[in-house]
């Protein structure tokens, strides 16, 4: 397996060690099985169980106005600060399915509670796949039972496989984290390749740790890390109905992470690095993506830099130029202008891979050959300067090529 921390934009913290192979933090078991939801026969039902009775957790969900029944169920019927089990199916999103969809999500929650031996309100339910198709509940129920028999401390790879849809590769990591109070472990699994947009995207993300965190600390750290990772990515500018991120803490290591301590700072750095690299893996997948871009916008007001960054990241012209390794910065300035309409010329600065190509809205002489070589790399960075000081943001985005069209044109057929 290639190193998890493969991007120059997300260095591995000095106190974090990347571990190979499979294995969850102490107190967790997981499994993934094929229940027949996917016509391919690939794994499609996963179960993650925390055996610690006093486990804590935190969660974040999509901001979509058409949230899927699993998301609604979790928000209405789950104790999101004490999730002990997560039940997931892929191949069917159980979205836009109305009251029957909510009832099916409740059945999944009930089955998960039964096999995990916990109360129903300690079970989170997630689904991903095609929208607008009723869940095949008999297959899912049988899959949950089958997964319960396969639960194992090293079941993270099988669980990771079961949550994938159009993913071209798994997004999974195991980290060992040295804290002043002791050593803890953090693992993470994610799925996502298309329908990805800040706020956040068609993704499911699960993280587990044997550190002991209060529910308040877990919620604070997860919220900060999600804002810096999954809310800063885009593949196609499309917001999903099912996005869910869940952090579970077993406390089985005996190492307590207290608020406002060096332990909290270092644990937060490790969780942040995990989430940011998982988010970048989602963008790298990007349903046929060839390259990943990072757009950094500085100056002006917070709202303005955010609008400009999203306009550049979601521009089909910018994305196709990225795909082709084309240093056509005119597409970037066009996207900036569209995000900030006005009658006066905008004194914008643009640099690509450190090469300034535009200053105060005008072209800057530069080495075109060196720039063309730079944009042919796997990762390309764009820096944009707006009038004013103080605000800054970033968005990671994938290119747009032929394979994306093929995958999505044939998605339900």
Protein backbone atom coordinates (compact mmCIF):
# COMPACT_ATOMS: atom_id res chain seq x y z
CA UNK A 1 0.00 0.00 0.00
CA UNK A 2 1.30 3.48 -0.86
CA UNK A 3 1.93 5.90 2.04
CA UNK A 4 -1.28 7.45 3.34
CA UNK A 5 0.24 10.91 3.67
CA UNK A 6 1.03 11.20 -0.02
CA UNK A 7 0.21 14.88 -0.60
CA UNK A 8 2.66 17.74 -0.11
CA UNK A 9 -0.29 19.76 1.20
CA UNK A 10 -0.88 17.49 4.24
CA UNK A 11 2.35 16.57 6.04
CA UNK A 12 2.28 13.87 8.68
CA UNK A 13 2.70 15.46 12.14
CA UNK A 14 5.95 14.61 13.90
CA UNK A 15 4.14 12.83 16.74
CA UNK A 16 2.09 10.63 14.37
CA UNK A 17 3.20 7.31 12.90
CA UNK A 18 1.41 5.75 9.94
CA UNK A 19 0.75 2.02 10.44
CA UNK A 20 0.45 -0.58 7.70
CA UNK A 21 -2.09 -3.39 7.45
CA UNK A 22 -5.40 -3.77 9.17
CA UNK A 23 -6.57 -3.23 12.71
CA UNK A 24 -8.86 -0.94 14.68
CA UNK A 25 -8.14 0.88 17.95
CA UNK A 26 -8.85 -1.07 21.13
CA UNK A 27 -12.56 -1.44 21.80
CA UNK A 28 -13.70 -1.64 18.17
CA UNK A 29 -14.80 -4.42 15.83
CA UNK A 30 -15.96 -4.15 12.23
CA UNK A 31 -17.03 -6.22 9.23
CA UNK A 32 -18.19 -5.87 5.65
CA UNK A 33 -20.14 -8.39 3.59
CA UNK A 34 -21.85 -8.80 0.23
CA UNK A 35 -25.62 -8.85 0.72
CA UNK A 36 -26.61 -8.73 -2.94
CA UNK A 37 -27.56 -5.05 -3.12
CA UNK A 38 -24.94 -4.41 -5.79
CA UNK A 39 -25.34 -6.34 -9.02
CA UNK A 40 -21.55 -6.71 -9.11
CA UNK A 41 -21.59 -8.90 -6.01
CA UNK A 42 -19.15 -6.59 -4.24
CA UNK A 43 -19.44 -5.96 -0.47
CA UNK A 44 -22.33 -3.63 0.30
CA UNK A 45 -23.18 -3.86 4.02
CA UNK A 46 -20.82 -2.78 6.78
CA UNK A 47 -21.09 -2.75 10.57
CA UNK A 48 -18.80 -0.93 13.02
CA UNK A 49 -19.23 -1.64 16.75
CA UNK A 50 -17.65 0.01 19.78
CA UNK A 51 -17.68 -2.36 22.74
CA UNK A 52 -17.02 0.31 25.39
CA UNK A 53 -20.22 1.02 27.38
CA UNK A 54 -19.18 4.62 28.06
CA UNK A 55 -18.11 5.44 24.50
CA UNK A 56 -18.49 9.00 23.25
CA UNK A 57 -18.99 10.27 19.73
CA UNK A 58 -19.69 13.25 17.48
CA UNK A 59 -21.22 13.63 14.03
CA UNK A 60 -21.72 16.05 11.14
CA UNK A 61 -24.22 15.78 8.27
CA UNK A 62 -25.05 17.23 4.87
CA UNK A 63 -26.54 20.70 4.59
CA UNK A 64 -28.78 19.59 1.71
CA UNK A 65 -32.44 20.61 1.74
CA UNK A 66 -33.32 17.10 0.53
CA UNK A 67 -31.60 15.08 3.23
CA UNK A 68 -31.98 11.33 2.96
CA UNK A 69 -33.98 9.34 5.56
CA UNK A 70 -30.80 7.88 7.16
CA UNK A 71 -29.57 11.40 7.89
CA UNK A 72 -32.98 12.47 9.22
CA UNK A 73 -33.19 9.35 11.37
CA UNK A 74 -29.75 9.93 12.91
CA UNK A 75 -30.61 13.52 13.71
CA UNK A 76 -33.99 12.65 15.21
CA UNK A 77 -33.46 9.27 16.88
CA UNK A 78 -29.75 8.78 17.61
CA UNK A 79 -27.75 9.93 20.60
CA UNK A 80 -25.03 11.49 18.49
CA UNK A 81 -22.79 11.97 21.53
CA UNK A 82 -22.88 8.24 22.40
CA UNK A 83 -22.97 6.23 19.15
CA UNK A 84 -21.89 2.65 19.82
CA UNK A 85 -22.65 1.10 16.41
CA UNK A 86 -22.74 2.25 12.80
CA UNK A 87 -24.67 0.32 10.14
CA UNK A 88 -23.97 1.20 6.51
CA UNK A 89 -25.14 0.01 3.13
CA UNK A 90 -23.84 0.97 -0.30
CA UNK A 91 -25.49 0.56 -3.69
CA UNK A 92 -28.67 2.36 -2.61
CA UNK A 93 -28.85 5.83 -1.02
CA UNK A 94 -32.35 5.44 0.47
CA UNK A 95 -32.82 9.08 -0.56
CA UNK A 96 -35.99 10.70 -1.91
CA UNK A 97 -37.89 7.64 -0.66
CA UNK A 98 -40.36 9.41 1.65
CA UNK A 99 -41.89 7.88 4.76
CA UNK A 100 -41.19 4.28 3.65
CA UNK A 101 -37.50 5.24 3.40
CA UNK A 102 -37.53 6.58 6.96
CA UNK A 103 -39.19 3.40 8.18
CA UNK A 104 -36.57 1.31 6.40
CA UNK A 105 -33.80 3.36 8.01
CA UNK A 106 -35.46 2.69 11.37
CA UNK A 107 -35.44 -1.03 10.59
CA UNK A 108 -31.73 -0.83 9.86
CA UNK A 109 -31.23 0.93 13.19
CA UNK A 110 -33.21 -1.75 15.00
CA UNK A 111 -31.27 -4.58 13.35
CA UNK A 112 -28.00 -2.84 14.19
CA UNK A 113 -29.02 -2.49 17.83
CA UNK A 114 -29.94 -6.16 18.00
CA UNK A 115 -26.66 -7.48 16.61
CA UNK A 116 -24.49 -4.98 18.53
CA UNK A 117 -26.30 -5.46 21.82
CA UNK A 118 -26.93 -1.74 22.34
CA UNK A 119 -30.00 0.48 22.49
CA UNK A 120 -31.45 1.71 19.20
CA UNK A 121 -30.60 5.33 19.94
CA UNK A 122 -26.91 4.35 20.07
CA UNK A 123 -26.95 3.18 16.44
CA UNK A 124 -26.21 5.47 13.48
CA UNK A 125 -27.46 4.50 10.03
CA UNK A 126 -25.87 5.50 6.72
CA UNK A 127 -26.67 4.69 3.09
CA UNK A 128 -24.99 5.59 -0.19
CA UNK A 129 -25.72 4.82 -3.83
CA UNK A 130 -28.52 5.48 -6.28
CA UNK A 131 -31.15 8.04 -5.23
CA UNK A 132 -34.89 7.40 -5.51
CA UNK A 133 -34.90 3.59 -5.21
CA UNK A 134 -36.50 1.77 -2.24
CA UNK A 135 -34.12 -0.20 -0.03
CA UNK A 136 -34.14 -4.00 -0.51
CA UNK A 137 -34.72 -4.53 3.21
CA UNK A 138 -34.58 -8.32 3.21
CA UNK A 139 -31.09 -8.26 1.70
CA UNK A 140 -29.95 -5.52 4.05
CA UNK A 141 -31.26 -7.28 7.15
CA UNK A 142 -29.57 -10.53 6.14
CA UNK A 143 -26.39 -8.56 5.44
CA UNK A 144 -26.42 -6.94 8.88
CA UNK A 145 -26.77 -10.32 10.54
CA UNK A 146 -24.01 -11.81 8.38
CA UNK A 147 -21.73 -8.88 9.17
CA UNK A 148 -22.36 -9.31 12.89
CA UNK A 149 -20.96 -12.85 12.71
CA UNK A 150 -17.83 -11.55 10.98
CA UNK A 151 -17.07 -8.67 13.37
CA UNK A 152 -13.35 -8.55 14.14
CA UNK A 153 -10.75 -6.11 15.53
CA UNK A 154 -9.07 -6.17 12.11
CA UNK A 155 -12.28 -5.77 10.11
CA UNK A 156 -11.57 -2.20 8.99
CA UNK A 157 -10.53 -3.18 5.44
CA UNK A 158 -13.69 -5.24 4.91
CA UNK A 159 -15.79 -2.41 6.33
CA UNK A 160 -14.03 0.07 4.05
CA UNK A 161 -14.77 -2.07 1.00
CA UNK A 162 -18.45 -2.33 1.92
CA UNK A 163 -19.07 1.43 1.93
CA UNK A 164 -17.70 2.15 -1.56
CA UNK A 165 -19.76 2.98 -4.66
CA UNK A 166 -17.91 4.51 -7.63
CA UNK A 167 -14.66 4.67 -5.65
CA UNK A 168 -11.65 3.51 -7.62
CA UNK A 169 -9.60 2.78 -4.50
CA UNK A 170 -10.03 2.48 -0.75
CA UNK A 171 -9.60 5.46 1.55
CA UNK A 172 -8.42 4.06 4.85
CA UNK A 173 -5.70 4.82 7.40
CA UNK A 174 -4.27 3.62 10.74
CA UNK A 175 -2.33 6.08 12.86
CA UNK A 176 -0.41 5.84 16.12
CA UNK A 177 -0.35 9.10 18.02
CA UNK A 178 2.11 10.00 20.78
CA UNK A 179 0.52 12.28 23.36
CA UNK A 180 2.13 13.66 26.54
CA UNK A 181 -0.20 11.40 28.54
CA UNK A 182 0.40 8.25 26.47
CA UNK A 183 -0.01 6.54 23.11
CA UNK A 184 -3.37 6.29 21.33
CA UNK A 185 -4.58 5.03 17.97
CA UNK A 186 -6.81 6.64 15.36
CA UNK A 187 -8.27 4.89 12.31
CA UNK A 188 -10.41 6.26 9.51
CA UNK A 189 -12.41 5.02 6.54
CA UNK A 190 -14.02 7.16 3.85
CA UNK A 191 -15.92 6.77 0.62
CA UNK A 192 -16.56 9.31 -2.07
CA UNK A 193 -15.60 10.11 -5.64
CA UNK A 194 -18.46 12.07 -7.22
CA UNK A 195 -21.20 14.50 -6.14
CA UNK A 196 -18.57 16.28 -4.06
CA UNK A 197 -18.91 19.95 -3.07
CA UNK A 198 -17.90 21.98 0.00
CA UNK A 199 -20.61 21.85 2.57
CA UNK A 200 -19.86 18.85 2.18
CA UNK A 201 -20.25 16.00 -0.33
CA UNK A 202 -21.38 12.48 -1.31
CA UNK A 203 -19.15 11.00 1.24
CA UNK A 204 -19.30 8.83 4.30
CA UNK A 205 -16.45 9.14 6.78
CA UNK A 206 -15.90 7.16 9.94
CA UNK A 207 -13.10 7.64 12.47
CA UNK A 208 -12.33 5.63 15.59
CA UNK A 209 -9.96 6.20 18.49
CA UNK A 210 -9.13 4.47 21.77
CA UNK A 211 -8.44 7.84 23.39
CA UNK A 212 -10.87 8.97 26.06
CA UNK A 213 -12.62 12.19 25.03
CA UNK A 214 -15.65 13.87 26.49
CA UNK A 215 -18.53 14.21 24.05
CA UNK A 216 -17.99 17.97 24.08
CA UNK A 217 -14.31 17.66 23.19
CA UNK A 218 -15.06 15.12 20.45
CA UNK A 219 -17.69 17.43 18.98
CA UNK A 220 -15.41 20.47 19.08
CA UNK A 221 -12.48 18.71 17.43
CA UNK A 222 -14.59 17.01 14.78
CA UNK A 223 -16.28 20.28 13.88
CA UNK A 224 -12.98 22.09 13.42
CA UNK A 225 -11.44 19.25 11.41
CA UNK A 226 -14.46 18.86 9.11
CA UNK A 227 -14.36 22.58 8.30
CA UNK A 228 -10.71 22.24 7.27
CA UNK A 229 -11.16 19.06 5.27
CA UNK A 230 -14.47 17.84 3.89
CA UNK A 231 -15.89 21.36 3.66
CA UNK A 232 -12.90 22.38 1.54
CA UNK A 233 -13.20 19.89 -1.34
CA UNK A 234 -15.00 19.75 -4.67
CA UNK A 235 -15.14 17.25 -7.49
CA UNK A 236 -18.15 18.51 -9.43
CA UNK A 237 -19.80 21.20 -7.29
CA UNK A 238 -22.75 18.95 -6.43
CA UNK A 239 -24.08 18.67 -2.88
CA UNK A 240 -25.26 15.25 -1.75
CA UNK A 241 -28.27 14.08 0.24
CA UNK A 242 -26.47 11.56 2.46
CA UNK A 243 -23.17 12.97 3.73
CA UNK A 244 -22.19 11.81 7.18
CA UNK A 245 -19.02 12.03 9.28
CA UNK A 246 -18.88 10.17 12.60
CA UNK A 247 -16.10 10.08 15.22
CA UNK A 248 -16.28 7.35 17.89
CA UNK A 249 -14.10 7.26 21.00
CA UNK A 250 -13.82 4.04 23.03
CA UNK A 251 -11.45 5.30 25.74
CA UNK A 252 -9.97 1.78 25.90
CA UNK A 253 -6.37 3.06 25.91
CA UNK A 254 -6.94 4.73 29.26
CA UNK A 255 -5.41 7.94 27.91
CA UNK A 256 -7.71 10.88 28.61
CA UNK A 257 -7.62 13.93 26.35
CA UNK A 258 -8.58 16.84 28.55
CA UNK A 259 -9.74 20.21 27.17
CA UNK A 260 -7.18 22.98 26.68
CA UNK A 261 -4.16 20.72 27.17
CA UNK A 262 -1.20 19.67 25.05
CA UNK A 263 -2.95 16.30 24.69
CA UNK A 264 -5.93 17.99 23.05
CA UNK A 265 -3.70 20.04 20.75
CA UNK A 266 -1.71 17.04 19.56
CA UNK A 267 -4.72 14.79 19.22
CA UNK A 268 -6.48 17.52 17.25
CA UNK A 269 -3.47 17.85 14.94
CA UNK A 270 -3.51 14.10 14.27
CA UNK A 271 -7.26 14.03 13.63
CA UNK A 272 -6.96 17.08 11.38
CA UNK A 273 -4.19 15.45 9.32
CA UNK A 274 -6.24 12.26 9.01
CA UNK A 275 -9.35 14.11 7.83
CA UNK A 276 -7.48 16.38 5.41
CA UNK A 277 -5.65 13.51 3.76
CA UNK A 278 -8.86 11.44 3.53
CA UNK A 279 -10.54 14.45 1.91
CA UNK A 280 -7.69 14.73 -0.59
CA UNK A 281 -8.02 11.02 -1.37
CA UNK A 282 -11.67 11.65 -2.23
CA UNK A 283 -10.67 14.45 -4.58
CA UNK A 284 -7.87 12.38 -6.12
CA UNK A 285 -10.44 9.65 -6.85
CA UNK A 286 -12.76 12.17 -8.49
CA UNK A 287 -14.42 9.66 -10.86
CA UNK A 288 -11.69 9.50 -13.47
CA UNK A 289 -9.62 12.42 -12.18
CA UNK A 290 -6.07 12.79 -13.46
CA UNK A 291 -4.92 15.73 -11.32
CA UNK A 292 -5.86 17.64 -8.16
CA UNK A 293 -5.78 21.40 -7.76
CA UNK A 294 -5.54 23.56 -4.67
CA UNK A 295 -6.80 27.12 -4.95
CA UNK A 296 -5.76 29.55 -2.21
CA UNK A 297 -7.46 32.94 -2.13
CA UNK A 298 -6.22 35.80 0.05
CA UNK A 299 -7.44 39.35 0.74
CA UNK A 300 -10.84 41.00 0.78
CA UNK A 301 -13.66 39.76 2.98
CA UNK A 302 -14.21 36.15 4.16
CA UNK A 303 -17.33 35.83 2.03
CA UNK A 304 -15.54 37.11 -1.06
CA UNK A 305 -12.54 34.79 -0.82
CA UNK A 306 -14.86 31.83 -0.29
CA UNK A 307 -16.98 32.74 -3.32
CA UNK A 308 -13.90 33.15 -5.51
CA UNK A 309 -12.32 29.89 -4.36
CA UNK A 310 -15.50 27.94 -5.06
CA UNK A 311 -15.96 29.65 -8.42
CA UNK A 312 -12.47 28.61 -9.52
CA UNK A 313 -12.73 25.08 -8.10
CA UNK A 314 -16.10 24.46 -9.76
CA UNK A 315 -15.37 26.08 -13.12
CA UNK A 316 -15.59 23.48 -15.93
CA UNK A 317 -13.08 25.57 -17.88
CA UNK A 318 -10.53 25.59 -15.06
CA UNK A 319 -11.13 21.90 -14.35
CA UNK A 320 -10.69 20.80 -17.97
CA UNK A 321 -7.52 22.89 -18.22
CA UNK A 322 -6.23 21.11 -15.12
CA UNK A 323 -7.10 17.76 -16.69
CA UNK A 324 -5.15 18.61 -19.84
CA UNK A 325 -2.18 20.16 -18.04
CA UNK A 326 -2.97 23.45 -19.75
CA UNK A 327 -1.56 26.61 -18.02
CA UNK A 328 -4.42 28.74 -19.37
CA UNK A 329 -4.73 31.23 -16.49
CA UNK A 330 -7.29 33.22 -18.46
CA UNK A 331 -9.83 30.68 -17.31
CA UNK A 332 -8.94 31.47 -13.71
CA UNK A 333 -9.34 35.23 -14.05
CA UNK A 334 -12.65 34.64 -15.84
CA UNK A 335 -13.92 32.59 -12.87
CA UNK A 336 -12.73 35.26 -10.42
CA UNK A 337 -14.57 37.97 -12.35
CA UNK A 338 -17.75 35.93 -12.49
CA UNK A 339 -17.67 35.57 -8.70
CA UNK A 340 -17.05 39.30 -8.17
CA UNK A 341 -19.06 41.20 -10.79
CA UNK A 342 -18.64 44.96 -11.07
CA UNK A 343 -17.93 47.87 -13.42
CA UNK A 344 -14.38 48.71 -12.25
CA UNK A 345 -11.41 46.49 -13.25
CA UNK A 346 -10.51 44.10 -10.44
CA UNK A 347 -6.80 44.31 -9.49
CA UNK A 348 -6.37 40.56 -9.04
CA UNK A 349 -3.07 38.71 -8.69
CA UNK A 350 -2.66 35.12 -9.91
CA UNK A 351 0.21 32.66 -9.47
CA UNK A 352 0.37 29.04 -10.60
CA UNK A 353 2.85 26.77 -8.82
CA UNK A 354 4.62 29.87 -7.55
CA UNK A 355 4.91 31.44 -11.00
CA UNK A 356 3.16 34.82 -11.10
CA UNK A 357 1.19 35.20 -14.32
CA UNK A 358 -1.07 38.13 -13.46
CA UNK A 359 -0.57 41.24 -11.32
CA UNK A 360 -3.35 43.75 -10.61
CA UNK A 361 -5.37 42.29 -13.44
CA UNK A 362 -2.63 42.38 -16.08
CA UNK A 363 -0.31 39.79 -17.57
CA UNK A 364 3.16 39.31 -16.07
CA UNK A 365 6.03 38.04 -18.27
CA UNK A 366 6.94 34.53 -17.15
CA UNK A 367 8.67 31.33 -18.25
CA UNK A 368 5.90 29.61 -20.21
CA UNK A 369 7.86 26.36 -20.62
CA UNK A 370 8.51 26.05 -16.89
CA UNK A 371 4.86 26.77 -16.15
CA UNK A 372 3.68 24.14 -18.64
CA UNK A 373 5.93 21.60 -16.93
CA UNK A 374 4.60 22.55 -13.49
CA UNK A 375 0.91 22.11 -14.40
CA UNK A 376 1.60 18.62 -15.77
CA UNK A 377 2.22 17.31 -12.23
CA UNK A 378 -0.32 15.35 -10.18
CA UNK A 379 -0.96 18.30 -7.87
CA UNK A 380 -1.22 21.91 -9.04
CA UNK A 381 -1.53 24.96 -6.80
CA UNK A 382 -3.23 28.22 -7.76
CA UNK A 383 -2.85 31.37 -5.64
CA UNK A 384 -5.20 34.33 -6.05
CA UNK A 385 -4.80 37.72 -4.42
CA UNK A 386 -7.79 40.06 -4.04
CA UNK A 387 -7.81 43.68 -2.88
CA UNK A 388 -7.72 44.02 0.89
CA UNK A 389 -6.17 42.08 3.76
CA UNK A 390 -7.06 39.57 6.42
CA UNK A 391 -9.15 36.85 4.77
CA UNK A 392 -7.86 33.58 3.39
CA UNK A 393 -9.35 30.25 2.32
CA UNK A 394 -8.53 27.17 0.28
CA UNK A 395 -10.42 24.57 -1.74
CA UNK A 396 -9.07 21.28 -3.09
CA UNK A 397 -10.63 20.21 -6.38
CA UNK A 398 -10.30 17.56 -9.05
CA UNK A 399 -10.02 18.02 -12.78
CA UNK A 400 -12.81 17.16 -15.23
CA UNK A 401 -12.18 14.61 -17.94
CA UNK A 402 -13.80 12.05 -20.20
CA UNK A 403 -14.07 9.33 -17.57
CA UNK A 404 -16.26 11.48 -15.29
CA UNK A 405 -18.83 11.82 -18.08
CA UNK A 406 -18.73 8.09 -18.82
CA UNK A 407 -19.19 7.06 -15.19
CA UNK A 408 -22.12 9.40 -14.57
CA UNK A 409 -23.81 8.82 -17.93
CA UNK A 410 -23.97 5.10 -17.14
CA UNK A 411 -24.50 5.33 -13.35
CA UNK A 412 -27.93 3.64 -13.14
CA UNK A 413 -27.57 1.45 -16.24
